[in-house]
Amino acid sequence: MSDLKKFENQDQQDRFFHILKNGMRTFLSTGLIIFGAMWLAGIVGNTNHHFACNAENVVKHNRENYFLRDGNYFNGGDFQTQDFVLKGKNSLKLTAENPFGFGFNYEFLKGNEEVVAWVWRYAEGDWKVNGKIAAAAGGKFWKATEEVVETKENGWEKIQFKFKIPNFLQNELLNIYCWNPDRRPIYFDDFHLVIQELEDL
């Protein structure tokens, strides 16, 4: 506090502390904004991982055709079709001969995640109810659903799958995919997968 004696007058001292106060306020505000942005992005707090596939881009990977989006590979690239499409130019066509597609592997589960997946499905008849999203991990876990959460006038249905990863699957690999067990074709488009790491199960 001995430096306070160097101020020539009270007005100069008041201006100094005013600038210091505003500087601290700006520093704290900027810090809060950065922290909030990091929290929303999942850098701090709970972590979100979002993966998506729209069936538009097919590439060769490990000698097989995969869908590629945002650097992530989804299987079923051989079953790309233009027969029926939700949006864009292509979709995924699954049949009894080729029942699986949009398959994605998520490695190193922590056993504290919540998983939400959704996809749009379409068929020319009521057998589209057989189109599912399924998940498996380490031979210890399997779930599937065909729950419809939204329907469009053109017949496309959005199905959604939400579940928590049990802690006994820690370090296992999660495989999540679309599945058509019916002999008649079902079309899938605009697949999304969100995995959120939770602090508590």
Protein backbone atom coordinates (compact mmCIF):
# COMPACT_ATOMS: atom_id res chain seq x y z
CA MET A 1 0.00 0.00 0.00
CA SER A 2 3.05 2.30 0.15
CA ASP A 3 2.58 2.95 -3.60
CA LEU A 4 -0.59 4.91 -2.81
CA LYS A 5 1.60 7.75 -1.56
CA LYS A 6 2.82 8.29 -5.16
CA PHE A 7 -0.61 9.50 -6.35
CA GLU A 8 -0.51 13.29 -6.76
CA ASN A 9 -4.09 13.76 -5.57
CA GLN A 10 -7.32 11.93 -4.63
CA ASP A 11 -8.76 12.30 -8.13
CA GLN A 12 -5.80 10.45 -9.65
CA GLN A 13 -6.15 7.70 -7.07
CA ASP A 14 -9.89 7.37 -7.74
CA ARG A 15 -9.27 7.07 -11.50
CA PHE A 16 -6.67 4.35 -10.90
CA PHE A 17 -9.02 2.22 -8.82
CA HIS A 18 -11.85 2.81 -11.31
CA ILE A 19 -9.70 1.45 -14.15
CA LEU A 20 -8.57 -1.47 -11.98
CA LYS A 21 -12.16 -2.29 -11.03
CA ASN A 22 -13.35 -2.22 -14.65
CA GLY A 23 -10.41 -4.37 -15.70
CA MET A 24 -11.25 -7.01 -13.12
CA ARG A 25 -14.89 -6.97 -14.16
CA THR A 26 -13.96 -7.48 -17.81
CA PHE A 27 -11.56 -10.29 -16.88
CA LEU A 28 -14.21 -12.12 -14.84
CA SER A 29 -16.91 -11.64 -17.50
CA THR A 30 -14.62 -12.99 -20.22
CA GLY A 31 -13.73 -15.97 -18.03
CA LEU A 32 -17.37 -16.79 -17.43
CA ILE A 33 -18.15 -16.58 -21.15
CA ILE A 34 -15.26 -18.89 -22.01
CA PHE A 35 -16.22 -21.34 -19.26
CA GLY A 36 -19.84 -21.35 -20.46
CA ALA A 37 -18.78 -22.03 -24.04
CA MET A 38 -16.53 -24.87 -22.88
CA TRP A 39 -19.36 -26.34 -20.80
CA LEU A 40 -21.76 -26.26 -23.75
CA ALA A 41 -19.12 -27.89 -25.94
CA GLY A 42 -18.55 -30.62 -23.36
CA ILE A 43 -14.95 -29.63 -22.66
CA VAL A 44 -15.73 -29.24 -18.98
CA GLY A 45 -18.58 -30.78 -16.98
CA ASN A 46 -20.52 -33.54 -18.71
CA THR A 47 -19.11 -34.50 -22.11
CA ASN A 48 -21.27 -34.90 -25.21
CA HIS A 49 -20.22 -36.81 -28.33
CA HIS A 50 -22.43 -36.38 -31.41
CA PHE A 51 -22.14 -38.57 -34.51
CA ALA A 52 -24.35 -38.38 -37.60
CA CYS A 53 -24.71 -40.04 -41.00
CA ASN A 54 -26.92 -39.02 -43.93
CA ALA A 55 -26.02 -41.82 -46.41
CA GLU A 56 -24.63 -39.35 -48.94
CA ASN A 57 -20.91 -40.15 -48.99
CA VAL A 58 -19.58 -43.69 -49.58
CA VAL A 59 -15.86 -44.46 -49.40
CA LYS A 60 -13.65 -47.53 -49.39
CA HIS A 61 -12.27 -48.33 -45.91
CA ASN A 62 -10.48 -51.56 -44.97
CA ARG A 63 -11.57 -52.99 -48.34
CA GLU A 64 -15.25 -52.38 -47.63
CA ASN A 65 -17.68 -49.60 -48.53
CA TYR A 66 -18.63 -47.33 -45.64
CA PHE A 67 -20.61 -44.18 -45.24
CA LEU A 68 -18.31 -41.35 -44.17
CA ARG A 69 -19.30 -38.16 -42.41
CA ASP A 70 -17.23 -35.78 -40.27
CA GLY A 71 -14.37 -38.29 -40.23
CA ASN A 72 -16.54 -41.11 -38.85
CA TYR A 73 -17.29 -44.40 -40.62
CA PHE A 74 -20.69 -46.13 -40.64
CA ASN A 75 -21.18 -49.53 -42.24
CA GLY A 76 -23.70 -50.35 -44.96
CA GLY A 77 -22.19 -48.34 -47.80
CA ASP A 78 -23.02 -51.14 -50.24
CA PHE A 79 -26.71 -50.58 -49.54
CA GLN A 80 -26.92 -46.93 -50.54
CA THR A 81 -30.01 -46.26 -52.64
CA GLN A 82 -32.00 -43.50 -54.32
CA ASP A 83 -35.33 -45.37 -54.20
CA PHE A 84 -36.81 -43.42 -51.27
CA VAL A 85 -35.05 -40.51 -49.59
CA LEU A 86 -35.89 -38.29 -46.63
CA LYS A 87 -33.55 -35.52 -47.76
CA GLY A 88 -30.50 -35.25 -49.94
CA LYS A 89 -30.03 -37.77 -52.75
CA ASN A 90 -29.48 -41.09 -50.96
CA SER A 91 -30.67 -43.32 -48.14
CA LEU A 92 -29.86 -46.75 -46.70
CA LYS A 93 -31.85 -49.79 -47.94
CA LEU A 94 -31.95 -52.83 -45.65
CA THR A 95 -33.47 -56.23 -46.40
CA ALA A 96 -33.38 -59.71 -44.87
CA GLU A 97 -30.32 -60.47 -47.01
CA ASN A 98 -28.60 -57.27 -45.85
CA PRO A 99 -30.28 -56.49 -42.51
CA PHE A 100 -27.73 -54.16 -40.85
CA GLY A 101 -26.51 -50.67 -41.66
CA PHE A 102 -25.43 -47.29 -40.27
CA GLY A 103 -23.41 -49.39 -37.80
CA PHE A 104 -21.04 -47.35 -35.65
CA ASN A 105 -18.51 -48.45 -33.02
CA TYR A 106 -17.89 -46.33 -29.93
CA GLU A 107 -14.82 -47.49 -28.04
CA PHE A 108 -13.76 -47.40 -24.41
CA LEU A 109 -17.07 -47.01 -22.59
CA LYS A 110 -16.75 -45.54 -19.11
CA GLY A 111 -19.93 -47.15 -17.78
CA ASN A 112 -21.50 -43.80 -16.95
CA GLU A 113 -22.95 -42.77 -20.32
CA GLU A 114 -26.44 -41.98 -21.52
CA VAL A 115 -27.07 -42.86 -25.17
CA VAL A 116 -29.65 -41.28 -27.46
CA ALA A 117 -29.94 -42.41 -31.08
CA TRP A 118 -32.51 -41.59 -33.71
CA VAL A 119 -33.09 -42.28 -37.39
CA TRP A 120 -35.85 -41.89 -39.97
CA ARG A 121 -37.34 -45.01 -41.57
CA TYR A 122 -39.68 -45.67 -44.50
CA ALA A 123 -41.33 -48.63 -46.22
CA GLU A 124 -44.06 -49.05 -48.82
CA GLY A 125 -46.24 -50.96 -46.36
CA ASP A 126 -46.97 -51.43 -42.69
CA TRP A 127 -43.94 -53.72 -42.30
CA LYS A 128 -41.88 -50.60 -41.63
CA VAL A 129 -42.75 -51.16 -37.95
CA ASN A 130 -40.03 -53.84 -38.03
CA GLY A 131 -37.27 -51.28 -38.68
CA LYS A 132 -35.24 -50.90 -35.48
CA ILE A 133 -32.23 -49.31 -33.84
CA ALA A 134 -30.18 -51.86 -31.89
CA ALA A 135 -27.16 -51.69 -29.59
CA ALA A 136 -24.73 -54.36 -28.39
CA ALA A 137 -21.59 -54.36 -26.24
CA GLY A 138 -19.06 -57.02 -25.37
CA GLY A 139 -21.46 -59.94 -25.68
CA LYS A 140 -22.94 -58.79 -22.35
CA PHE A 141 -25.51 -56.27 -23.49
CA TRP A 142 -28.14 -55.98 -26.23
CA LYS A 143 -31.13 -53.70 -26.67
CA ALA A 144 -33.36 -52.68 -29.56
CA THR A 145 -36.29 -50.37 -30.13
CA GLU A 146 -38.70 -49.23 -32.82
CA GLU A 147 -40.36 -46.45 -30.80
CA VAL A 148 -41.82 -43.78 -33.11
CA VAL A 149 -41.49 -40.20 -31.87
CA GLU A 150 -42.43 -38.29 -35.04
CA THR A 151 -44.20 -38.98 -38.34
CA LYS A 152 -44.16 -37.01 -41.59
CA GLU A 153 -47.04 -36.81 -44.06
CA ASN A 154 -44.96 -38.57 -46.71
CA GLY A 155 -44.74 -41.69 -44.54
CA TRP A 156 -41.28 -41.29 -43.04
CA GLU A 157 -41.13 -42.06 -39.30
CA LYS A 158 -38.54 -40.99 -36.77
CA ILE A 159 -37.61 -43.69 -34.26
CA GLN A 160 -35.60 -42.96 -31.15
CA PHE A 161 -33.57 -45.08 -28.76
CA LYS A 162 -32.54 -43.83 -25.31
CA PHE A 163 -30.77 -45.85 -22.63
CA LYS A 164 -28.00 -45.76 -20.03
CA ILE A 165 -24.80 -47.76 -20.21
CA PRO A 166 -24.43 -50.00 -17.13
CA ASN A 167 -21.13 -49.69 -15.26
CA PHE A 168 -20.18 -53.33 -15.91
CA LEU A 169 -19.55 -52.33 -19.55
CA GLN A 170 -16.60 -50.13 -18.63
CA ASN A 171 -13.87 -50.31 -21.34
CA GLU A 172 -16.15 -52.29 -23.67
CA LEU A 173 -16.99 -51.33 -27.26
CA LEU A 174 -20.55 -50.20 -28.06
CA ASN A 175 -21.91 -51.11 -31.49
CA ILE A 176 -25.11 -49.33 -32.47
CA TYR A 177 -26.87 -49.92 -35.80
CA CYS A 178 -30.11 -49.98 -37.78
CA TRP A 179 -31.72 -53.38 -38.33
CA ASN A 180 -34.41 -54.75 -40.62
CA PRO A 181 -35.39 -58.34 -39.73
CA ASP A 182 -38.16 -58.33 -42.38
CA ARG A 183 -37.69 -59.83 -45.84
CA ARG A 184 -39.17 -56.69 -47.42
CA PRO A 185 -37.06 -53.53 -47.78
CA ILE A 186 -37.02 -50.75 -45.20
CA TYR A 187 -35.24 -47.48 -45.86
CA PHE A 188 -33.29 -45.46 -43.29
CA ASP A 189 -31.98 -41.91 -43.46
CA ASP A 190 -30.45 -39.16 -41.30
CA PHE A 191 -29.01 -41.24 -38.45
CA HIS A 192 -27.83 -39.49 -35.27
CA LEU A 193 -26.07 -40.75 -32.14
CA VAL A 194 -25.42 -38.69 -29.00
CA ILE A 195 -23.38 -40.14 -26.14
CA GLN A 196 -23.24 -38.10 -22.96
CA GLU A 197 -20.86 -38.93 -20.15
CA LEU A 198 -22.62 -38.39 -16.83
CA GLU A 199 -21.09 -37.67 -13.47
CA ASP A 200 -23.40 -40.19 -11.82
CA LEU A 201 -25.32 -43.13 -13.22
